[in-house]
């Protein structure tokens, strides 16, 4: 299980990667996180 603080950090790092040109699906794949999990985290606030 990932803590709330870790989720925030992961989302921030993924957002930074996407801002710098990475594709979200590839960035998630690199860290073994499903895009669906990322979506759930983003929607949960």
C-alpha atoms as a PDB file:
ATOM      1  CA  UNK A   1       0.000   0.000   0.000  1.00  0.00           C
ATOM      2  CA  UNK A   2       1.239   3.461  -0.855  1.00  0.00           C
ATOM      3  CA  UNK A   3       0.933   6.241   1.702  1.00  0.00           C
ATOM      4  CA  UNK A   4      -0.832   9.465   0.833  1.00  0.00           C
ATOM      5  CA  UNK A   5       2.473  11.357   0.925  1.00  0.00           C
ATOM      6  CA  UNK A   6       4.090   8.859  -1.450  1.00  0.00           C
ATOM      7  CA  UNK A   7       1.136   9.100  -3.824  1.00  0.00           C
ATOM      8  CA  UNK A   8       1.499  12.862  -3.953  1.00  0.00           C
ATOM      9  CA  UNK A   9       5.192  12.596  -4.691  1.00  0.00           C
ATOM     10  CA  UNK A  10       4.649   9.987  -7.410  1.00  0.00           C
ATOM     11  CA  UNK A  11       1.923  12.090  -9.039  1.00  0.00           C
ATOM     12  CA  UNK A  12       4.151  15.170  -8.947  1.00  0.00           C
ATOM     13  CA  UNK A  13       7.046  13.299 -10.544  1.00  0.00           C
ATOM     14  CA  UNK A  14       4.799  11.848 -13.231  1.00  0.00           C
ATOM     15  CA  UNK A  15       3.346  15.295 -13.958  1.00  0.00           C
ATOM     16  CA  UNK A  16       6.867  16.689 -14.282  1.00  0.00           C
ATOM     17  CA  UNK A  17       7.844  13.917 -16.691  1.00  0.00           C
ATOM     18  CA  UNK A  18       4.748  14.547 -18.816  1.00  0.00           C
ATOM     19  CA  UNK A  19       5.413  18.317 -18.786  1.00  0.00           C
ATOM     20  CA  UNK A  20       8.888  17.591 -20.122  1.00  0.00           C
ATOM     21  CA  UNK A  21       7.547  15.518 -22.996  1.00  0.00           C
ATOM     22  CA  UNK A  22       7.118  11.983 -21.705  1.00  0.00           C
ATOM     23  CA  UNK A  23       3.952  10.119 -22.526  1.00  0.00           C
ATOM     24  CA  UNK A  24       1.905   9.354 -19.432  1.00  0.00           C
ATOM     25  CA  UNK A  25       1.424   5.698 -20.312  1.00  0.00           C
ATOM     26  CA  UNK A  26       5.171   5.187 -20.797  1.00  0.00           C
ATOM     27  CA  UNK A  27       6.062   7.036 -17.581  1.00  0.00           C
ATOM     28  CA  UNK A  28       3.623   4.842 -15.646  1.00  0.00           C
ATOM     29  CA  UNK A  29       5.024   1.743 -17.314  1.00  0.00           C
ATOM     30  CA  UNK A  30       8.588   2.650 -16.292  1.00  0.00           C
ATOM     31  CA  UNK A  31       7.610   2.774 -12.611  1.00  0.00           C
ATOM     32  CA  UNK A  32       5.230  -0.208 -12.856  1.00  0.00           C
ATOM     33  CA  UNK A  33       2.114   1.812 -12.077  1.00  0.00           C
ATOM     34  CA  UNK A  34      -1.074   1.299 -14.039  1.00  0.00           C
ATOM     35  CA  UNK A  35      -2.639   4.368 -15.603  1.00  0.00           C
ATOM     36  CA  UNK A  36      -5.928   3.354 -13.985  1.00  0.00           C
ATOM     37  CA  UNK A  37      -4.335   3.516 -10.529  1.00  0.00           C
ATOM     38  CA  UNK A  38      -2.996   6.975 -11.336  1.00  0.00           C
ATOM     39  CA  UNK A  39      -6.474   8.073 -12.413  1.00  0.00           C
ATOM     40  CA  UNK A  40      -7.991   6.790  -9.159  1.00  0.00           C
ATOM     41  CA  UNK A  41      -5.362   8.651  -7.149  1.00  0.00           C
ATOM     42  CA  UNK A  42      -5.995  11.871  -9.075  1.00  0.00           C
ATOM     43  CA  UNK A  43      -9.762  11.593  -8.622  1.00  0.00           C
ATOM     44  CA  UNK A  44      -9.516  10.885  -4.908  1.00  0.00           C
ATOM     45  CA  UNK A  45      -7.930  14.278  -4.236  1.00  0.00           C
END
